[in-house]
PDB file of N, CA and C in Angstrom:
ATOM      1  N   UNK A   1      17.703 -13.757 -46.783  1.00  0.00           N
ATOM      2  CA  UNK A   1      18.813 -14.187 -45.961  1.00  0.00           C
ATOM      3  C   UNK A   1      18.323 -14.827 -44.672  1.00  0.00           C
ATOM      4  N   UNK A   2      17.193 -14.356 -44.182  1.00  0.00           N
ATOM      5  CA  UNK A   2      16.661 -14.894 -42.936  1.00  0.00           C
ATOM      6  C   UNK A   2      16.263 -16.359 -43.096  1.00  0.00           C
ATOM      7  N   UNK A   3      15.656 -16.696 -44.223  1.00  0.00           N
ATOM      8  CA  UNK A   3      15.264 -18.074 -44.488  1.00  0.00           C
ATOM      9  C   UNK A   3      16.476 -18.983 -44.633  1.00  0.00           C
ATOM     10  N   UNK A   4      17.535 -18.475 -45.278  1.00  0.00           N
ATOM     11  CA  UNK A   4      18.758 -19.257 -45.449  1.00  0.00           C
ATOM     12  C   UNK A   4      19.396 -19.552 -44.098  1.00  0.00           C
ATOM     13  N   UNK A   5      19.388 -18.579 -43.204  1.00  0.00           N
ATOM     14  CA  UNK A   5      19.969 -18.787 -41.874  1.00  0.00           C
ATOM     15  C   UNK A   5      19.181 -19.837 -41.100  1.00  0.00           C
ATOM     16  N   UNK A   6      17.852 -19.833 -41.242  1.00  0.00           N
ATOM     17  CA  UNK A   6      17.038 -20.839 -40.571  1.00  0.00           C
ATOM     18  C   UNK A   6      17.335 -22.231 -41.109  1.00  0.00           C
ATOM     19  N   UNK A   7      17.466 -22.349 -42.424  1.00  0.00           N
ATOM     20  CA  UNK A   7      17.761 -23.650 -43.028  1.00  0.00           C
ATOM     21  C   UNK A   7      19.138 -24.136 -42.595  1.00  0.00           C
ATOM     22  N   UNK A   8      20.127 -23.235 -42.581  1.00  0.00           N
ATOM     23  CA  UNK A   8      21.483 -23.613 -42.174  1.00  0.00           C
ATOM     24  C   UNK A   8      21.513 -24.050 -40.709  1.00  0.00           C
ATOM     25  N   UNK A   9      20.847 -23.308 -39.846  1.00  0.00           N
ATOM     26  CA  UNK A   9      20.836 -23.652 -38.428  1.00  0.00           C
ATOM     27  C   UNK A   9      20.122 -24.981 -38.188  1.00  0.00           C
ATOM     28  N   UNK A  10      19.028 -25.213 -38.883  1.00  0.00           N
ATOM     29  CA  UNK A  10      18.309 -26.478 -38.748  1.00  0.00           C
ATOM     30  C   UNK A  10      19.152 -27.642 -39.245  1.00  0.00           C
ATOM     31  N   UNK A  11      19.838 -27.445 -40.371  1.00  0.00           N
ATOM     32  CA  UNK A  11      20.679 -28.504 -40.923  1.00  0.00           C
ATOM     33  C   UNK A  11      21.813 -28.858 -39.978  1.00  0.00           C
ATOM     34  N   UNK A  12      22.443 -27.860 -39.407  1.00  0.00           N
ATOM     35  CA  UNK A  12      23.539 -28.122 -38.468  1.00  0.00           C
ATOM     36  C   UNK A  12      23.005 -28.792 -37.208  1.00  0.00           C
ATOM     37  N   UNK A  13      21.840 -28.353 -36.734  1.00  0.00           N
ATOM     38  CA  UNK A  13      21.242 -28.983 -35.551  1.00  0.00           C
ATOM     39  C   UNK A  13      20.917 -30.448 -35.773  1.00  0.00           C
ATOM     40  N   UNK A  14      20.343 -30.769 -36.932  1.00  0.00           N
ATOM     41  CA  UNK A  14      20.023 -32.165 -37.243  1.00  0.00           C
ATOM     42  C   UNK A  14      21.303 -32.981 -37.372  1.00  0.00           C
ATOM     43  N   UNK A  15      22.320 -32.410 -37.997  1.00  0.00           N
ATOM     44  CA  UNK A  15      23.592 -33.127 -38.136  1.00  0.00           C
ATOM     45  C   UNK A  15      24.216 -33.402 -36.775  1.00  0.00           C
ATOM     46  N   UNK A  16      24.122 -32.449 -35.877  1.00  0.00           N
ATOM     47  CA  UNK A  16      24.691 -32.660 -34.547  1.00  0.00           C
ATOM     48  C   UNK A  16      23.916 -33.693 -33.736  1.00  0.00           C
ATOM     49  N   UNK A  17      22.631 -33.865 -34.032  1.00  0.00           N
ATOM     50  CA  UNK A  17      21.871 -34.926 -33.367  1.00  0.00           C
ATOM     51  C   UNK A  17      22.409 -36.302 -33.740  1.00  0.00           C
ATOM     52  N   UNK A  18      22.888 -36.434 -34.975  1.00  0.00           N
ATOM     53  CA  UNK A  18      23.434 -37.710 -35.415  1.00  0.00           C
ATOM     54  C   UNK A  18      24.865 -37.923 -34.949  1.00  0.00           C
ATOM     55  N   UNK A  19      25.528 -36.868 -34.507  1.00  0.00           N
ATOM     56  CA  UNK A  19      26.898 -36.996 -34.023  1.00  0.00           C
ATOM     57  C   UNK A  19      26.912 -37.631 -32.637  1.00  0.00           C
ATOM     58  N   UNK A  20      25.906 -37.377 -31.830  1.00  0.00           N
ATOM     59  CA  UNK A  20      25.886 -37.888 -30.458  1.00  0.00           C
ATOM     60  C   UNK A  20      26.014 -39.411 -30.390  1.00  0.00           C
ATOM     61  N   UNK A  21      25.258 -40.185 -31.184  1.00  0.00           N
ATOM     62  CA  UNK A  21      25.474 -41.632 -31.129  1.00  0.00           C
ATOM     63  C   UNK A  21      26.862 -42.032 -31.625  1.00  0.00           C
ATOM     64  N   UNK A  22      27.385 -41.325 -32.608  1.00  0.00           N
ATOM     65  CA  UNK A  22      28.720 -41.649 -33.107  1.00  0.00           C
ATOM     66  C   UNK A  22      29.776 -41.325 -32.062  1.00  0.00           C
ATOM     67  N   UNK A  23      29.563 -40.266 -31.300  1.00  0.00           N
ATOM     68  CA  UNK A  23      30.521 -39.895 -30.261  1.00  0.00           C
ATOM     69  C   UNK A  23      30.441 -40.863 -29.079  1.00  0.00           C
ATOM     70  N   UNK A  24      29.293 -41.504 -28.887  1.00  0.00           N
ATOM     71  CA  UNK A  24      29.134 -42.424 -27.776  1.00  0.00           C
ATOM     72  C   UNK A  24      29.827 -43.764 -28.021  1.00  0.00           C
ATOM     73  N   UNK A  25      30.341 -43.970 -29.203  1.00  0.00           N
ATOM     74  CA  UNK A  25      31.010 -45.221 -29.532  1.00  0.00           C
ATOM     75  C   UNK A  25      32.360 -45.357 -28.844  1.00  0.00           C
ATOM     76  N   UNK A  26      32.844 -44.307 -28.218  1.00  0.00           N
ATOM     77  CA  UNK A  26      34.097 -44.373 -27.487  1.00  0.00           C
ATOM     78  C   UNK A  26      35.279 -43.788 -28.232  1.00  0.00           C
ATOM     79  N   UNK A  27      35.079 -43.359 -29.444  1.00  0.00           N
ATOM     80  CA  UNK A  27      36.173 -42.780 -30.222  1.00  0.00           C
ATOM     81  C   UNK A  27      36.250 -41.282 -29.953  1.00  0.00           C
ATOM     82  N   UNK A  28      37.431 -40.803 -29.677  1.00  0.00           N
ATOM     83  CA  UNK A  28      37.607 -39.366 -29.453  1.00  0.00           C
ATOM     84  C   UNK A  28      37.662 -38.598 -30.760  1.00  0.00           C
ATOM     85  N   UNK A  29      37.812 -39.285 -31.868  1.00  0.00           N
ATOM     86  CA  UNK A  29      38.000 -38.633 -33.147  1.00  0.00           C
ATOM     87  C   UNK A  29      36.719 -38.561 -33.970  1.00  0.00           C
ATOM     88  N   UNK A  30      35.595 -38.990 -33.442  1.00  0.00           N
ATOM     89  CA  UNK A  30      34.381 -39.053 -34.244  1.00  0.00           C
ATOM     90  C   UNK A  30      33.908 -37.668 -34.680  1.00  0.00           C
ATOM     91  N   UNK A  31      34.056 -36.676 -33.825  1.00  0.00           N
ATOM     92  CA  UNK A  31      33.654 -35.324 -34.209  1.00  0.00           C
ATOM     93  C   UNK A  31      34.557 -34.768 -35.291  1.00  0.00           C
ATOM     94  N   UNK A  32      35.844 -35.075 -35.225  1.00  0.00           N
ATOM     95  CA  UNK A  32      36.764 -34.603 -36.255  1.00  0.00           C
ATOM     96  C   UNK A  32      36.449 -35.278 -37.582  1.00  0.00           C
ATOM     97  N   UNK A  33      36.159 -36.566 -37.557  1.00  0.00           N
ATOM     98  CA  UNK A  33      35.854 -37.280 -38.786  1.00  0.00           C
ATOM     99  C   UNK A  33      34.511 -36.844 -39.374  1.00  0.00           C
ATOM    100  N   UNK A  34      33.590 -36.428 -38.541  1.00  0.00           N
ATOM    101  CA  UNK A  34      32.283 -35.984 -39.017  1.00  0.00           C
ATOM    102  C   UNK A  34      32.310 -34.540 -39.505  1.00  0.00           C
ATOM    103  N   UNK A  35      33.326 -33.782 -39.148  1.00  0.00           N
ATOM    104  CA  UNK A  35      33.371 -32.375 -39.524  1.00  0.00           C
ATOM    105  C   UNK A  35      33.477 -32.183 -41.021  1.00  0.00           C
ATOM    106  N   UNK A  36      34.041 -33.146 -41.738  1.00  0.00           N
ATOM    107  CA  UNK A  36      34.097 -33.053 -43.194  1.00  0.00           C
ATOM    108  C   UNK A  36      32.715 -33.061 -43.819  1.00  0.00           C
ATOM    109  N   UNK A  37      31.807 -33.862 -43.261  1.00  0.00           N
ATOM    110  CA  UNK A  37      30.440 -33.908 -43.780  1.00  0.00           C
ATOM    111  C   UNK A  37      29.719 -32.588 -43.517  1.00  0.00           C
ATOM    112  N   UNK A  38      29.933 -32.014 -42.347  1.00  0.00           N
ATOM    113  CA  UNK A  38      29.322 -30.708 -42.053  1.00  0.00           C
ATOM    114  C   UNK A  38      29.885 -29.650 -42.997  1.00  0.00           C
ATOM    115  N   UNK A  39      31.193 -29.674 -43.198  1.00  0.00           N
ATOM    116  CA  UNK A  39      31.819 -28.713 -44.102  1.00  0.00           C
ATOM    117  C   UNK A  39      31.319 -28.857 -45.528  1.00  0.00           C
ATOM    118  N   UNK A  40      31.167 -30.099 -45.991  1.00  0.00           N
ATOM    119  CA  UNK A  40      30.673 -30.323 -47.352  1.00  0.00           C
ATOM    120  C   UNK A  40      29.242 -29.808 -47.501  1.00  0.00           C
ATOM    121  N   UNK A  41      28.429 -30.019 -46.476  1.00  0.00           N
ATOM    122  CA  UNK A  41      27.060 -29.508 -46.533  1.00  0.00           C
ATOM    123  C   UNK A  41      27.008 -27.990 -46.565  1.00  0.00           C
ATOM    124  N   UNK A  42      27.831 -27.361 -45.751  1.00  0.00           N
ATOM    125  CA  UNK A  42      27.863 -25.891 -45.736  1.00  0.00           C
ATOM    126  C   UNK A  42      28.386 -25.327 -47.056  1.00  0.00           C
ATOM    127  N   UNK A  43      29.403 -25.974 -47.620  1.00  0.00           N
ATOM    128  CA  UNK A  43      29.940 -25.525 -48.906  1.00  0.00           C
ATOM    129  C   UNK A  43      28.876 -25.624 -49.989  1.00  0.00           C
ATOM    130  N   UNK A  44      28.156 -26.735 -50.013  1.00  0.00           N
ATOM    131  CA  UNK A  44      27.141 -26.934 -51.034  1.00  0.00           C
ATOM    132  C   UNK A  44      26.003 -25.928 -50.887  1.00  0.00           C
ATOM    133  N   UNK A  45      25.572 -25.687 -49.648  1.00  0.00           N
ATOM    134  CA  UNK A  45      24.505 -24.709 -49.432  1.00  0.00           C
ATOM    135  C   UNK A  45      24.967 -23.302 -49.801  1.00  0.00           C
ATOM    136  N   UNK A  46      26.201 -22.970 -49.456  1.00  0.00           N
ATOM    137  CA  UNK A  46      26.716 -21.649 -49.794  1.00  0.00           C
ATOM    138  C   UNK A  46      26.845 -21.445 -51.288  1.00  0.00           C
ATOM    139  N   UNK A  47      27.326 -22.459 -51.995  1.00  0.00           N
ATOM    140  CA  UNK A  47      27.456 -22.348 -53.452  1.00  0.00           C
ATOM    141  C   UNK A  47      26.094 -22.230 -54.123  1.00  0.00           C
ATOM    142  N   UNK A  48      25.137 -23.014 -53.661  1.00  0.00           N
ATOM    143  CA  UNK A  48      23.794 -22.937 -54.239  1.00  0.00           C
ATOM    144  C   UNK A  48      23.176 -21.565 -54.001  1.00  0.00           C
ATOM    145  N   UNK A  49      23.376 -21.039 -52.808  1.00  0.00           N
ATOM    146  CA  UNK A  49      22.849 -19.703 -52.501  1.00  0.00           C
ATOM    147  C   UNK A  49      23.523 -18.646 -53.375  1.00  0.00           C
ATOM    148  N   UNK A  50      24.842 -18.745 -53.531  1.00  0.00           N
ATOM    149  CA  UNK A  50      25.570 -17.769 -54.332  1.00  0.00           C
ATOM    150  C   UNK A  50      25.183 -17.803 -55.800  1.00  0.00           C
ATOM    151  N   UNK A  51      25.048 -18.990 -56.363  1.00  0.00           N
ATOM    152  CA  UNK A  51      24.660 -19.103 -57.770  1.00  0.00           C
ATOM    153  C   UNK A  51      23.217 -18.652 -57.956  1.00  0.00           C
ATOM    154  N   UNK A  52      22.369 -18.917 -56.986  1.00  0.00           N
ATOM    155  CA  UNK A  52      20.989 -18.436 -57.069  1.00  0.00           C
ATOM    156  C   UNK A  52      20.911 -16.919 -57.079  1.00  0.00           C
ATOM    157  N   UNK A  53      21.692 -16.286 -56.194  1.00  0.00           N
ATOM    158  CA  UNK A  53      21.714 -14.809 -56.178  1.00  0.00           C
ATOM    159  C   UNK A  53      22.301 -14.267 -57.484  1.00  0.00           C
ATOM    160  N   UNK A  54      23.327 -14.926 -58.001  1.00  0.00           N
ATOM    161  CA  UNK A  54      23.956 -14.511 -59.256  1.00  0.00           C
ATOM    162  C   UNK A  54      22.961 -14.581 -60.402  1.00  0.00           C
ATOM    163  N   UNK A  55      22.248 -15.691 -60.508  1.00  0.00           N
ATOM    164  CA  UNK A  55      21.277 -15.851 -61.586  1.00  0.00           C
ATOM    165  C   UNK A  55      20.127 -14.854 -61.456  1.00  0.00           C
ATOM    166  N   UNK A  56      19.679 -14.622 -60.224  1.00  0.00           N
ATOM    167  CA  UNK A  56      18.601 -13.655 -60.010  1.00  0.00           C
ATOM    168  C   UNK A  56      19.003 -12.270 -60.487  1.00  0.00           C
ATOM    169  N   UNK A  57      20.194 -11.850 -60.090  1.00  0.00           N
ATOM    170  CA  UNK A  57      20.658 -10.513 -60.484  1.00  0.00           C
ATOM    171  C   UNK A  57      20.888 -10.428 -61.994  1.00  0.00           C
ATOM    172  N   UNK A  58      21.411 -11.496 -62.587  1.00  0.00           N
ATOM    173  CA  UNK A  58      21.669 -11.479 -64.023  1.00  0.00           C
ATOM    174  C   UNK A  58      20.368 -11.410 -64.819  1.00  0.00           C
ATOM    175  N   UNK A  59      19.381 -12.230 -64.446  1.00  0.00           N
ATOM    176  CA  UNK A  59      18.110 -12.194 -65.165  1.00  0.00           C
ATOM    177  C   UNK A  59      17.386 -10.873 -64.969  1.00  0.00           C
ATOM    178  N   UNK A  60      17.503 -10.299 -63.799  1.00  0.00           N
ATOM    179  CA  UNK A  60      16.894  -8.991 -63.572  1.00  0.00           C
ATOM    180  C   UNK A  60      17.575  -7.927 -64.432  1.00  0.00           C
ATOM    181  N   UNK A  61      18.893  -7.998 -64.517  1.00  0.00           N
ATOM    182  CA  UNK A  61      19.623  -7.050 -65.362  1.00  0.00           C
ATOM    183  C   UNK A  61      19.286  -7.227 -66.836  1.00  0.00           C
ATOM    184  N   UNK A  62      19.133  -8.493 -67.268  1.00  0.00           N
ATOM    185  CA  UNK A  62      18.779  -8.736 -68.676  1.00  0.00           C
ATOM    186  C   UNK A  62      17.377  -8.239 -68.997  1.00  0.00           C
ATOM    187  N   UNK A  63      16.476  -8.342 -68.041  1.00  0.00           N
ATOM    188  CA  UNK A  63      15.122  -7.878 -68.302  1.00  0.00           C
ATOM    189  C   UNK A  63      15.048  -6.354 -68.329  1.00  0.00           C
ATOM    190  N   UNK A  64      15.932  -5.698 -67.598  1.00  0.00           N
ATOM    191  CA  UNK A  64      15.933  -4.229 -67.588  1.00  0.00           C
ATOM    192  C   UNK A  64      16.631  -3.651 -68.810  1.00  0.00           C
ATOM    193  N   UNK A  65      17.682  -4.349 -69.277  1.00  0.00           N
ATOM    194  CA  UNK A  65      18.433  -3.872 -70.442  1.00  0.00           C
ATOM    195  C   UNK A  65      18.662  -5.029 -71.412  1.00  0.00           C
ATOM    196  N   UNK A  66      17.700  -5.336 -72.229  1.00  0.00           N
ATOM    197  CA  UNK A  66      17.827  -6.476 -73.144  1.00  0.00           C
ATOM    198  C   UNK A  66      18.963  -6.331 -74.156  1.00  0.00           C
ATOM    199  N   UNK A  67      19.375  -5.102 -74.438  1.00  0.00           N
ATOM    200  CA  UNK A  67      20.430  -4.910 -75.439  1.00  0.00           C
ATOM    201  C   UNK A  67      21.800  -5.385 -74.960  1.00  0.00           C
ATOM    202  N   UNK A  68      22.014  -5.526 -73.662  1.00  0.00           N
ATOM    203  CA  UNK A  68      23.298  -6.016 -73.144  1.00  0.00           C
ATOM    204  C   UNK A  68      23.158  -7.409 -72.529  1.00  0.00           C
ATOM    205  N   UNK A  69      22.101  -8.119 -72.909  1.00  0.00           N
ATOM    206  CA  UNK A  69      21.845  -9.445 -72.335  1.00  0.00           C
ATOM    207  C   UNK A  69      22.974 -10.422 -72.634  1.00  0.00           C
ATOM    208  N   UNK A  70      23.584 -10.323 -73.803  1.00  0.00           N
ATOM    209  CA  UNK A  70      24.671 -11.238 -74.157  1.00  0.00           C
ATOM    210  C   UNK A  70      25.882 -11.090 -73.261  1.00  0.00           C
ATOM    211  N   UNK A  71      26.275  -9.850 -72.982  1.00  0.00           N
ATOM    212  CA  UNK A  71      27.444  -9.646 -72.120  1.00  0.00           C
ATOM    213  C   UNK A  71      27.128 -10.003 -70.662  1.00  0.00           C
ATOM    214  N   UNK A  72      25.895  -9.761 -70.231  1.00  0.00           N
ATOM    215  CA  UNK A  72      25.512 -10.141 -68.873  1.00  0.00           C
ATOM    216  C   UNK A  72      25.524 -11.664 -68.736  1.00  0.00           C
ATOM    217  N   UNK A  73      25.018 -12.350 -69.761  1.00  0.00           N
ATOM    218  CA  UNK A  73      24.992 -13.805 -69.714  1.00  0.00           C
ATOM    219  C   UNK A  73      26.405 -14.376 -69.696  1.00  0.00           C
ATOM    220  N   UNK A  74      27.307 -13.803 -70.478  1.00  0.00           N
ATOM    221  CA  UNK A  74      28.690 -14.266 -70.478  1.00  0.00           C
ATOM    222  C   UNK A  74      29.337 -14.067 -69.117  1.00  0.00           C
ATOM    223  N   UNK A  75      29.131 -12.902 -68.521  1.00  0.00           N
ATOM    224  CA  UNK A  75      29.692 -12.638 -67.195  1.00  0.00           C
ATOM    225  C   UNK A  75      29.085 -13.570 -66.150  1.00  0.00           C
ATOM    226  N   UNK A  76      27.791 -13.879 -66.288  1.00  0.00           N
ATOM    227  CA  UNK A  76      27.139 -14.780 -65.347  1.00  0.00           C
ATOM    228  C   UNK A  76      27.717 -16.187 -65.453  1.00  0.00           C
ATOM    229  N   UNK A  77      27.953 -16.661 -66.654  1.00  0.00           N
ATOM    230  CA  UNK A  77      28.501 -18.011 -66.842  1.00  0.00           C
ATOM    231  C   UNK A  77      29.913 -18.093 -66.287  1.00  0.00           C
ATOM    232  N   UNK A  78      30.724 -17.061 -66.505  1.00  0.00           N
ATOM    233  CA  UNK A  78      32.086 -17.057 -65.970  1.00  0.00           C
ATOM    234  C   UNK A  78      32.060 -17.049 -64.444  1.00  0.00           C
ATOM    235  N   UNK A  79      31.212 -16.222 -63.852  1.00  0.00           N
ATOM    236  CA  UNK A  79      31.123 -16.158 -62.392  1.00  0.00           C
ATOM    237  C   UNK A  79      30.606 -17.476 -61.810  1.00  0.00           C
ATOM    238  N   UNK A  80      29.627 -18.090 -62.461  1.00  0.00           N
ATOM    239  CA  UNK A  80      29.110 -19.375 -61.979  1.00  0.00           C
ATOM    240  C   UNK A  80      30.180 -20.461 -62.072  1.00  0.00           C
ATOM    241  N   UNK A  81      30.991 -20.425 -63.118  1.00  0.00           N
ATOM    242  CA  UNK A  81      32.077 -21.403 -63.251  1.00  0.00           C
ATOM    243  C   UNK A  81      33.121 -21.211 -62.151  1.00  0.00           C
ATOM    244  N   UNK A  82      33.422 -19.973 -61.800  1.00  0.00           N
ATOM    245  CA  UNK A  82      34.362 -19.723 -60.708  1.00  0.00           C
ATOM    246  C   UNK A  82      33.808 -20.218 -59.378  1.00  0.00           C
ATOM    247  N   UNK A  83      32.521 -20.001 -59.139  1.00  0.00           N
ATOM    248  CA  UNK A  83      31.900 -20.487 -57.907  1.00  0.00           C
ATOM    249  C   UNK A  83      31.939 -22.018 -57.867  1.00  0.00           C
ATOM    250  N   UNK A  84      31.625 -22.659 -58.984  1.00  0.00           N
ATOM    251  CA  UNK A  84      31.651 -24.122 -59.038  1.00  0.00           C
ATOM    252  C   UNK A  84      33.063 -24.655 -58.829  1.00  0.00           C
ATOM    253  N   UNK A  85      34.054 -23.990 -59.402  1.00  0.00           N
ATOM    254  CA  UNK A  85      35.439 -24.422 -59.211  1.00  0.00           C
ATOM    255  C   UNK A  85      35.849 -24.362 -57.756  1.00  0.00           C
ATOM    256  N   UNK A  86      35.504 -23.286 -57.093  1.00  0.00           N
ATOM    257  CA  UNK A  86      35.811 -23.174 -55.667  1.00  0.00           C
ATOM    258  C   UNK A  86      35.049 -24.222 -54.866  1.00  0.00           C
ATOM    259  N   UNK A  87      33.813 -24.494 -55.255  1.00  0.00           N
ATOM    260  CA  UNK A  87      33.013 -25.493 -54.555  1.00  0.00           C
ATOM    261  C   UNK A  87      33.639 -26.873 -54.677  1.00  0.00           C
ATOM    262  N   UNK A  88      34.093 -27.242 -55.866  1.00  0.00           N
ATOM    263  CA  UNK A  88      34.730 -28.545 -56.034  1.00  0.00           C
ATOM    264  C   UNK A  88      36.015 -28.643 -55.220  1.00  0.00           C
ATOM    265  N   UNK A  89      36.777 -27.564 -55.177  1.00  0.00           N
ATOM    266  CA  UNK A  89      37.997 -27.561 -54.374  1.00  0.00           C
ATOM    267  C   UNK A  89      37.659 -27.728 -52.887  1.00  0.00           C
ATOM    268  N   UNK A  90      36.669 -27.000 -52.415  1.00  0.00           N
ATOM    269  CA  UNK A  90      36.285 -27.084 -51.003  1.00  0.00           C
ATOM    270  C   UNK A  90      35.730 -28.472 -50.672  1.00  0.00           C
ATOM    271  N   UNK A  91      34.954 -29.062 -51.582  1.00  0.00           N
ATOM    272  CA  UNK A  91      34.444 -30.404 -51.337  1.00  0.00           C
ATOM    273  C   UNK A  91      35.573 -31.425 -51.313  1.00  0.00           C
ATOM    274  N   UNK A  92      36.590 -31.231 -52.130  1.00  0.00           N
ATOM    275  CA  UNK A  92      37.755 -32.116 -52.097  1.00  0.00           C
ATOM    276  C   UNK A  92      38.458 -32.019 -50.748  1.00  0.00           C
ATOM    277  N   UNK A  93      38.622 -30.807 -50.244  1.00  0.00           N
ATOM    278  CA  UNK A  93      39.266 -30.622 -48.948  1.00  0.00           C
ATOM    279  C   UNK A  93      38.419 -31.249 -47.838  1.00  0.00           C
ATOM    280  N   UNK A  94      37.096 -31.087 -47.908  1.00  0.00           N
ATOM    281  CA  UNK A  94      36.214 -31.646 -46.893  1.00  0.00           C
ATOM    282  C   UNK A  94      36.143 -33.173 -46.952  1.00  0.00           C
ATOM    283  N   UNK A  95      36.411 -33.740 -48.105  1.00  0.00           N
ATOM    284  CA  UNK A  95      36.279 -35.196 -48.252  1.00  0.00           C
ATOM    285  C   UNK A  95      37.484 -35.950 -47.725  1.00  0.00           C
ATOM    286  N   UNK A  96      38.545 -35.268 -47.370  1.00  0.00           N
ATOM    287  CA  UNK A  96      39.719 -35.950 -46.812  1.00  0.00           C
ATOM    288  C   UNK A  96      39.342 -36.546 -45.470  1.00  0.00           C
ATOM    289  N   UNK A  97      39.598 -37.834 -45.291  1.00  0.00           N
ATOM    290  CA  UNK A  97      39.203 -38.509 -44.069  1.00  0.00           C
ATOM    291  C   UNK A  97      39.965 -38.013 -42.856  1.00  0.00           C
ATOM    292  N   UNK A  98      41.279 -37.912 -42.980  1.00  0.00           N
ATOM    293  CA  UNK A  98      42.089 -37.526 -41.843  1.00  0.00           C
ATOM    294  C   UNK A  98      43.220 -36.615 -42.323  1.00  0.00           C
ATOM    295  N   UNK A  99      42.970 -35.333 -42.490  1.00  0.00           N
ATOM    296  CA  UNK A  99      44.012 -34.464 -43.043  1.00  0.00           C
ATOM    297  C   UNK A  99      45.144 -34.153 -42.085  1.00  0.00           C
ATOM    298  N   UNK A 100      45.027 -34.551 -40.810  1.00  0.00           N
ATOM    299  CA  UNK A 100      46.079 -34.196 -39.831  1.00  0.00           C
ATOM    300  C   UNK A 100      47.024 -35.341 -39.506  1.00  0.00           C
ATOM    301  N   UNK A 101      46.957 -36.419 -40.241  1.00  0.00           N
ATOM    302  CA  UNK A 101      47.929 -37.447 -39.944  1.00  0.00           C
ATOM    303  C   UNK A 101      47.540 -38.809 -40.226  1.00  0.00           C
TER     304      UNK A 101
END
């Protein structure tokens, strides 16, 4: 978790460095318009982290109890599909250019 927090903080810091020139263009809405890109990045990183933890736990469980590997794999696929569905929904919401008007 510590490494993930470092990557997330670095990514947000780099993204904010690119916001400064966009904000200097004179538009008051540049930060609002850029927030969708930050949100999409956070959603993607969160989904990747969640699916990685899911797969790790599933493979560890399958290696400990090979006789129930089929049911663990089915549950893992269903959970990964739910995570992906939420990710696509969140990316759709983040991709809206101007949701407030």
